[in-house]
N, C-alpha and C. Protein backbone atom coordinates (compact mmCIF):
# COMPACT_ATOMS: atom_id res chain seq x y z
N MET A 1 0.83 -1.16 0.00
CA MET A 1 0.00 0.00 0.00
C MET A 1 0.88 1.24 0.00
N THR A 2 0.64 2.12 -0.89
CA THR A 2 1.42 3.35 -0.99
C THR A 2 0.75 4.46 -0.22
N ARG A 3 1.61 5.32 0.30
CA ARG A 3 1.10 6.45 1.08
C ARG A 3 0.76 7.58 0.12
N ARG A 4 -0.41 8.14 0.32
CA ARG A 4 -0.85 9.21 -0.55
C ARG A 4 -0.57 10.55 0.08
N LYS A 5 -0.27 11.53 -0.73
CA LYS A 5 -0.07 12.90 -0.27
C LYS A 5 -1.42 13.53 0.01
N PRO A 6 -1.45 14.42 1.01
CA PRO A 6 -2.71 15.14 1.23
C PRO A 6 -3.05 15.97 0.00
N ALA A 7 -4.28 16.26 -0.11
CA ALA A 7 -4.75 16.96 -1.30
C ALA A 7 -4.23 18.40 -1.36
N ILE A 8 -3.92 19.01 -0.20
CA ILE A 8 -3.50 20.40 -0.23
C ILE A 8 -2.01 20.57 -0.55
N CYS A 9 -1.28 19.49 -0.59
CA CYS A 9 0.16 19.59 -0.85
C CYS A 9 0.41 19.72 -2.33
N GLY A 10 1.33 20.61 -2.64
CA GLY A 10 1.78 20.71 -4.01
C GLY A 10 2.95 19.77 -4.21
N GLU A 11 3.71 20.05 -5.25
CA GLU A 11 4.84 19.17 -5.56
C GLU A 11 5.90 19.19 -4.45
N ASN A 12 6.29 20.38 -3.93
CA ASN A 12 7.35 20.49 -2.94
C ASN A 12 6.87 21.05 -1.59
N ALA A 13 5.63 21.42 -1.47
CA ALA A 13 5.15 22.09 -0.26
C ALA A 13 5.18 21.15 0.94
N CYS A 14 4.73 19.96 0.82
CA CYS A 14 4.72 19.03 1.95
C CYS A 14 6.13 18.58 2.30
N VAL A 15 6.98 18.48 1.33
CA VAL A 15 8.36 18.09 1.59
C VAL A 15 9.02 19.16 2.46
N PHE A 16 8.81 20.45 2.18
CA PHE A 16 9.39 21.52 2.97
C PHE A 16 8.83 21.54 4.39
N ALA A 17 7.57 21.26 4.56
CA ALA A 17 6.94 21.31 5.88
C ALA A 17 7.40 20.16 6.77
N THR A 18 7.77 19.04 6.21
CA THR A 18 8.17 17.89 7.02
C THR A 18 9.68 17.67 7.04
N ASP A 19 10.44 18.44 6.29
CA ASP A 19 11.89 18.27 6.25
C ASP A 19 12.50 18.89 7.50
N VAL A 20 13.32 18.13 8.23
CA VAL A 20 13.91 18.61 9.47
C VAL A 20 15.40 18.93 9.30
N ARG A 21 15.91 18.84 8.11
CA ARG A 21 17.32 19.16 7.91
C ARG A 21 17.52 20.66 8.13
N GLY A 22 18.58 21.02 8.87
CA GLY A 22 18.92 22.42 9.10
C GLY A 22 18.28 23.03 10.34
N THR A 23 17.44 22.27 11.06
CA THR A 23 16.81 22.85 12.24
C THR A 23 17.85 23.13 13.34
N SER A 24 18.88 22.33 13.40
CA SER A 24 19.93 22.58 14.40
C SER A 24 20.64 23.89 14.11
N ALA A 25 20.89 24.16 12.84
CA ALA A 25 21.55 25.41 12.48
C ALA A 25 20.68 26.62 12.80
N VAL A 26 19.40 26.51 12.57
CA VAL A 26 18.48 27.61 12.88
C VAL A 26 18.39 27.82 14.39
N GLU A 27 18.30 26.74 15.15
CA GLU A 27 18.26 26.86 16.61
C GLU A 27 19.54 27.48 17.15
N PHE A 28 20.68 27.09 16.59
CA PHE A 28 21.95 27.65 17.03
C PHE A 28 22.02 29.14 16.68
N ALA A 29 21.52 29.53 15.53
CA ALA A 29 21.53 30.94 15.14
C ALA A 29 20.67 31.78 16.08
N VAL A 30 19.63 31.19 16.63
CA VAL A 30 18.77 31.93 17.57
C VAL A 30 19.44 32.01 18.95
N ILE A 31 20.08 30.96 19.39
CA ILE A 31 20.66 30.89 20.74
C ILE A 31 22.07 31.48 20.81
N ALA A 32 22.83 31.47 19.72
CA ALA A 32 24.23 31.88 19.72
C ALA A 32 24.48 33.28 20.27
N PRO A 33 23.71 34.31 19.91
CA PRO A 33 24.00 35.64 20.47
C PRO A 33 23.90 35.68 21.99
N VAL A 34 22.92 35.00 22.54
CA VAL A 34 22.77 34.97 23.99
C VAL A 34 23.92 34.18 24.61
N LEU A 35 24.24 33.05 24.03
CA LEU A 35 25.33 32.21 24.54
C LEU A 35 26.66 32.96 24.54
N PHE A 36 26.99 33.59 23.42
CA PHE A 36 28.26 34.31 23.33
C PHE A 36 28.25 35.56 24.21
N GLY A 37 27.11 36.22 24.34
CA GLY A 37 27.02 37.37 25.23
C GLY A 37 27.30 37.00 26.67
N VAL A 38 26.73 35.90 27.12
CA VAL A 38 26.98 35.43 28.49
C VAL A 38 28.44 34.99 28.64
N LEU A 39 28.97 34.28 27.67
CA LEU A 39 30.36 33.82 27.73
C LEU A 39 31.34 34.98 27.81
N PHE A 40 31.20 35.96 26.92
CA PHE A 40 32.12 37.11 26.93
C PHE A 40 31.90 37.97 28.17
N GLY A 41 30.68 38.04 28.66
CA GLY A 41 30.42 38.76 29.91
C GLY A 41 31.13 38.13 31.09
N ILE A 42 31.13 36.82 31.15
CA ILE A 42 31.83 36.11 32.23
C ILE A 42 33.33 36.36 32.15
N VAL A 43 33.88 36.31 30.95
CA VAL A 43 35.32 36.54 30.78
C VAL A 43 35.68 37.98 31.15
N ALA A 44 34.88 38.95 30.70
CA ALA A 44 35.17 40.35 30.99
C ALA A 44 35.03 40.63 32.48
N PHE A 45 33.99 40.12 33.11
CA PHE A 45 33.82 40.32 34.54
C PHE A 45 34.95 39.65 35.32
N GLY A 46 35.38 38.47 34.88
CA GLY A 46 36.49 37.78 35.55
C GLY A 46 37.77 38.58 35.47
N ALA A 47 38.06 39.18 34.33
CA ALA A 47 39.26 40.01 34.21
C ALA A 47 39.16 41.25 35.09
N HIS A 48 37.99 41.85 35.13
CA HIS A 48 37.76 43.03 35.96
C HIS A 48 37.91 42.69 37.44
N TYR A 49 37.33 41.60 37.85
CA TYR A 49 37.37 41.17 39.25
C TYR A 49 38.79 40.77 39.65
N ALA A 50 39.52 40.10 38.77
CA ALA A 50 40.90 39.70 39.06
C ALA A 50 41.79 40.93 39.24
N ALA A 51 41.57 41.96 38.44
CA ALA A 51 42.34 43.19 38.60
C ALA A 51 42.05 43.85 39.94
N ARG A 52 40.79 43.84 40.35
CA ARG A 52 40.43 44.43 41.64
C ARG A 52 41.06 43.65 42.79
N ILE A 53 41.05 42.35 42.71
CA ILE A 53 41.68 41.51 43.74
C ILE A 53 43.19 41.75 43.76
N ALA A 54 43.80 41.90 42.59
CA ALA A 54 45.24 42.17 42.53
C ALA A 54 45.59 43.50 43.20
N LEU A 55 44.75 44.51 43.02
CA LEU A 55 44.99 45.80 43.68
C LEU A 55 44.85 45.67 45.20
N THR A 56 43.86 44.91 45.64
CA THR A 56 43.68 44.70 47.07
C THR A 56 44.88 43.95 47.65
N TYR A 57 45.38 42.97 46.94
CA TYR A 57 46.55 42.22 47.39
C TYR A 57 47.78 43.14 47.49
N ALA A 58 47.97 43.99 46.49
CA ALA A 58 49.12 44.90 46.49
C ALA A 58 49.04 45.87 47.66
N ALA A 59 47.85 46.38 47.95
CA ALA A 59 47.70 47.29 49.09
C ALA A 59 47.98 46.57 50.40
N ALA A 60 47.52 45.36 50.53
CA ALA A 60 47.78 44.59 51.75
C ALA A 60 49.26 44.29 51.91
N GLU A 61 49.95 43.97 50.82
CA GLU A 61 51.39 43.74 50.88
C GLU A 61 52.13 45.00 51.32
N GLY A 62 51.69 46.14 50.83
CA GLY A 62 52.30 47.40 51.25
C GLY A 62 52.11 47.66 52.73
N GLY A 63 50.93 47.36 53.24
CA GLY A 63 50.67 47.54 54.67
C GLY A 63 51.49 46.61 55.53
N ARG A 64 51.62 45.37 55.10
CA ARG A 64 52.43 44.42 55.88
C ARG A 64 53.91 44.81 55.87
N ALA A 65 54.39 45.30 54.74
CA ALA A 65 55.79 45.71 54.67
C ALA A 65 56.04 46.96 55.50
N ALA A 66 55.06 47.85 55.55
CA ALA A 66 55.23 49.09 56.32
C ALA A 66 55.35 48.83 57.80
N LEU A 67 54.79 47.76 58.27
CA LEU A 67 54.87 47.44 59.70
C LEU A 67 56.29 47.17 60.15
N ALA A 68 57.17 46.82 59.24
CA ALA A 68 58.55 46.48 59.60
C ALA A 68 59.43 47.71 59.78
N GLY A 69 58.95 48.88 59.33
CA GLY A 69 59.76 50.09 59.42
C GLY A 69 59.85 50.62 60.84
N LEU A 70 60.96 51.30 61.13
CA LEU A 70 61.16 51.86 62.46
C LEU A 70 60.78 53.33 62.52
N SER A 71 60.89 54.04 61.42
CA SER A 71 60.50 55.44 61.39
C SER A 71 59.40 55.63 60.33
N ASP A 72 58.76 56.81 60.35
CA ASP A 72 57.70 57.06 59.37
C ASP A 72 58.23 57.05 57.94
N GLY A 73 59.40 57.63 57.74
CA GLY A 73 59.98 57.64 56.40
C GLY A 73 60.31 56.24 55.90
N GLU A 74 60.82 55.42 56.78
CA GLU A 74 61.14 54.04 56.40
C GLU A 74 59.86 53.25 56.12
N ARG A 75 58.83 53.47 56.93
CA ARG A 75 57.56 52.77 56.70
C ARG A 75 56.96 53.13 55.35
N GLU A 76 56.98 54.41 55.03
CA GLU A 76 56.43 54.84 53.74
C GLU A 76 57.23 54.26 52.58
N SER A 77 58.55 54.27 52.70
CA SER A 77 59.40 53.72 51.65
C SER A 77 59.17 52.22 51.47
N LEU A 78 59.09 51.50 52.57
CA LEU A 78 58.84 50.06 52.49
C LEU A 78 57.46 49.77 51.88
N ALA A 79 56.47 50.56 52.25
CA ALA A 79 55.12 50.34 51.72
C ALA A 79 55.09 50.58 50.21
N ARG A 80 55.67 51.68 49.76
CA ARG A 80 55.67 51.98 48.31
C ARG A 80 56.44 50.92 47.52
N THR A 81 57.56 50.47 48.07
CA THR A 81 58.34 49.43 47.39
C THR A 81 57.56 48.13 47.29
N ALA A 82 56.91 47.74 48.38
CA ALA A 82 56.14 46.49 48.38
C ALA A 82 54.95 46.56 47.43
N VAL A 83 54.27 47.69 47.40
CA VAL A 83 53.14 47.85 46.47
C VAL A 83 53.64 47.79 45.04
N GLY A 84 54.74 48.47 44.74
CA GLY A 84 55.30 48.43 43.39
C GLY A 84 55.73 47.04 42.98
N ASP A 85 56.36 46.31 43.90
CA ASP A 85 56.78 44.93 43.59
C ASP A 85 55.57 44.03 43.34
N ALA A 86 54.53 44.18 44.16
CA ALA A 86 53.34 43.35 43.98
C ALA A 86 52.64 43.67 42.66
N LEU A 87 52.55 44.95 42.31
CA LEU A 87 51.91 45.31 41.04
C LEU A 87 52.73 44.84 39.85
N ASN A 88 54.06 44.90 39.96
CA ASN A 88 54.89 44.38 38.86
C ASN A 88 54.75 42.87 38.72
N ALA A 89 54.63 42.17 39.84
CA ALA A 89 54.45 40.71 39.79
C ALA A 89 53.10 40.34 39.19
N LEU A 90 52.11 41.19 39.37
CA LEU A 90 50.77 40.93 38.86
C LEU A 90 50.49 41.70 37.57
N SER A 91 51.54 42.06 36.86
CA SER A 91 51.39 42.93 35.69
C SER A 91 50.52 42.38 34.56
N PRO A 92 50.33 41.10 34.40
CA PRO A 92 49.35 40.70 33.38
C PRO A 92 47.92 41.12 33.74
N LEU A 93 47.62 41.23 35.02
CA LEU A 93 46.27 41.61 35.44
C LEU A 93 46.10 43.12 35.54
N VAL A 94 47.13 43.79 36.01
CA VAL A 94 47.06 45.24 36.19
C VAL A 94 48.27 45.89 35.52
N ALA A 95 48.10 47.12 35.13
CA ALA A 95 49.20 47.90 34.57
C ALA A 95 49.80 48.72 35.71
N PRO A 96 51.03 48.44 36.13
CA PRO A 96 51.60 49.14 37.28
C PRO A 96 51.64 50.66 37.12
N HIS A 97 51.78 51.14 35.88
CA HIS A 97 51.85 52.58 35.68
C HIS A 97 50.49 53.26 35.88
N GLY A 98 49.41 52.49 35.91
CA GLY A 98 48.08 53.06 36.11
C GLY A 98 47.69 53.20 37.57
N ALA A 99 48.56 52.76 38.47
CA ALA A 99 48.24 52.80 39.90
C ALA A 99 48.84 54.05 40.53
N ASN A 100 48.03 54.73 41.31
CA ASN A 100 48.48 55.89 42.07
C ASN A 100 48.42 55.49 43.55
N VAL A 101 49.59 55.34 44.17
CA VAL A 101 49.68 54.84 45.54
C VAL A 101 49.82 56.02 46.50
N THR A 102 48.98 56.03 47.53
CA THR A 102 49.05 57.04 48.57
C THR A 102 49.27 56.33 49.90
N VAL A 103 50.31 56.73 50.61
CA VAL A 103 50.61 56.16 51.93
C VAL A 103 50.51 57.30 52.93
N SER A 104 49.62 57.16 53.90
CA SER A 104 49.51 58.18 54.94
C SER A 104 49.76 57.53 56.29
N LEU A 105 50.56 58.20 57.08
CA LEU A 105 50.92 57.72 58.40
C LEU A 105 50.39 58.71 59.42
N ALA A 106 49.76 58.21 60.45
CA ALA A 106 49.22 59.07 61.50
C ALA A 106 49.41 58.39 62.84
N GLN A 107 49.38 59.20 63.86
CA GLN A 107 49.50 58.65 65.20
C GLN A 107 48.29 59.10 65.99
N ASP A 108 47.63 58.14 66.60
CA ASP A 108 46.47 58.45 67.44
C ASP A 108 46.64 57.76 68.78
N GLY A 109 45.60 57.73 69.59
CA GLY A 109 45.68 57.16 70.92
C GLY A 109 46.01 55.68 70.95
N ASP A 110 45.67 54.96 69.90
CA ASP A 110 45.92 53.52 69.85
C ASP A 110 47.30 53.17 69.32
N GLY A 111 48.02 54.12 68.79
CA GLY A 111 49.34 53.85 68.22
C GLY A 111 49.45 54.48 66.84
N HIS A 112 50.29 53.92 65.99
CA HIS A 112 50.48 54.43 64.63
C HIS A 112 49.46 53.77 63.70
N ARG A 113 48.91 54.58 62.80
CA ARG A 113 47.99 54.07 61.80
C ARG A 113 48.61 54.27 60.43
N ILE A 114 48.58 53.23 59.63
CA ILE A 114 49.14 53.27 58.28
C ILE A 114 47.98 53.03 57.31
N ASP A 115 47.69 54.01 56.47
CA ASP A 115 46.65 53.89 55.46
C ASP A 115 47.31 53.84 54.09
N ILE A 116 46.97 52.83 53.32
CA ILE A 116 47.49 52.70 51.96
C ILE A 116 46.30 52.68 51.02
N THR A 117 46.30 53.60 50.07
CA THR A 117 45.22 53.72 49.11
C THR A 117 45.80 53.60 47.70
N ILE A 118 45.17 52.78 46.89
CA ILE A 118 45.58 52.64 45.49
C ILE A 118 44.41 53.06 44.61
N SER A 119 44.59 54.17 43.91
CA SER A 119 43.63 54.59 42.88
C SER A 119 44.16 54.05 41.56
N TYR A 120 43.30 53.45 40.79
CA TYR A 120 43.75 52.77 39.58
C TYR A 120 43.01 53.30 38.38
N ASN A 121 43.75 53.61 37.33
CA ASN A 121 43.16 54.08 36.10
C ASN A 121 43.82 53.32 34.95
N ASP A 122 43.03 52.51 34.29
CA ASP A 122 43.54 51.69 33.20
C ASP A 122 42.51 51.68 32.10
N GLY A 123 42.89 52.07 30.93
CA GLY A 123 41.96 52.15 29.82
C GLY A 123 41.60 50.82 29.19
N ARG A 124 42.25 49.74 29.61
CA ARG A 124 41.94 48.44 29.00
C ARG A 124 40.50 48.02 29.27
N PHE A 125 39.96 48.36 30.43
CA PHE A 125 38.61 47.92 30.77
C PHE A 125 37.54 48.87 30.27
N ALA A 126 37.93 50.02 29.78
CA ALA A 126 36.95 50.98 29.28
C ALA A 126 36.28 50.48 28.00
N ARG A 127 36.92 49.58 27.29
CA ARG A 127 36.37 49.07 26.03
C ARG A 127 35.37 47.94 26.24
N MET A 128 35.28 47.42 27.45
CA MET A 128 34.37 46.30 27.68
C MET A 128 32.98 46.82 28.01
N PRO A 129 31.98 46.44 27.23
CA PRO A 129 30.64 46.96 27.50
C PRO A 129 30.06 46.37 28.79
N PHE A 130 29.21 47.14 29.41
CA PHE A 130 28.47 46.75 30.61
C PHE A 130 29.34 46.63 31.85
N LEU A 131 30.62 46.98 31.78
CA LEU A 131 31.50 46.96 32.94
C LEU A 131 32.02 48.36 33.17
N PRO A 132 31.96 48.85 34.39
CA PRO A 132 32.50 50.19 34.63
C PRO A 132 34.02 50.16 34.56
N ASP A 133 34.58 51.29 34.20
CA ASP A 133 36.03 51.43 34.20
C ASP A 133 36.51 51.39 35.65
N LEU A 134 37.69 50.82 35.88
CA LEU A 134 38.20 50.72 37.24
C LEU A 134 38.45 52.08 37.87
N SER A 135 38.65 53.12 37.05
CA SER A 135 38.87 54.44 37.62
C SER A 135 37.58 55.03 38.18
N GLN A 136 36.42 54.49 37.82
CA GLN A 136 35.14 54.99 38.32
C GLN A 136 34.72 54.33 39.62
N ILE A 137 35.45 53.32 40.06
CA ILE A 137 35.12 52.60 41.28
C ILE A 137 35.97 53.16 42.41
N ALA A 138 35.47 53.06 43.62
CA ALA A 138 36.20 53.57 44.78
C ALA A 138 37.58 52.94 44.87
N PRO A 139 38.59 53.72 45.28
CA PRO A 139 39.94 53.16 45.37
C PRO A 139 40.04 52.07 46.43
N VAL A 140 41.03 51.22 46.26
CA VAL A 140 41.30 50.15 47.22
C VAL A 140 42.05 50.77 48.39
N THR A 141 41.58 50.53 49.60
CA THR A 141 42.21 51.10 50.79
C THR A 141 42.38 50.02 51.84
N VAL A 142 43.54 49.99 52.46
CA VAL A 142 43.77 49.12 53.61
C VAL A 142 44.28 49.99 54.75
N GLU A 143 43.95 49.59 55.95
CA GLU A 143 44.39 50.32 57.13
C GLU A 143 45.05 49.33 58.09
N TYR A 144 46.24 49.68 58.52
CA TYR A 144 46.96 48.87 59.49
C TYR A 144 47.25 49.73 60.71
N ARG A 145 47.19 49.12 61.86
CA ARG A 145 47.52 49.81 63.11
C ARG A 145 48.75 49.15 63.71
N LEU A 146 49.71 49.98 64.04
CA LEU A 146 50.93 49.53 64.67
C LEU A 146 50.88 50.00 66.12
N THR A 147 50.70 49.07 67.02
CA THR A 147 50.56 49.42 68.43
C THR A 147 51.70 48.80 69.24
N ASP A 148 51.93 49.38 70.37
CA ASP A 148 52.94 48.86 71.27
C ASP A 148 52.29 47.77 72.13
N PRO A 149 52.77 46.52 72.06
CA PRO A 149 52.11 45.45 72.81
C PRO A 149 52.26 45.62 74.33
N LEU A 150 53.19 46.41 74.75
CA LEU A 150 53.41 46.60 76.20
C LEU A 150 52.54 47.72 76.77
N GLY A 151 51.81 48.38 75.91
CA GLY A 151 50.89 49.35 76.46
C GLY A 151 51.13 50.71 75.99
């Protein structure tokens, strides 16, 4: 018994309606922009976040190094050197020349306070859509207190 075509089908009309070749390509064309948008967004956010973590690490290294100094001048010098070394070591993530390091030393009732602030301006992230430039975000700041354990 042979299968008959419906009466409304022309020569190629029913063949086109039942042919499933190419549906995967059409589905991929519909989903691909969303898929690639999410993928590139994850990569861009990861690079942005890694740079922020690298700046925080560099500021913390500067604070730890400053604690070893005996005078204010030595503490500031040690802090700047440690921050510079950390930024150079992390140079694939951050551009060391884009970092503006501020070291402030103060003395209060609890002892010496060391504040290290890194303001960062790097144009590499300005080209990534939907991510703010690192210069538009609050600077990374760490605070260390150097106190006399004997009172």
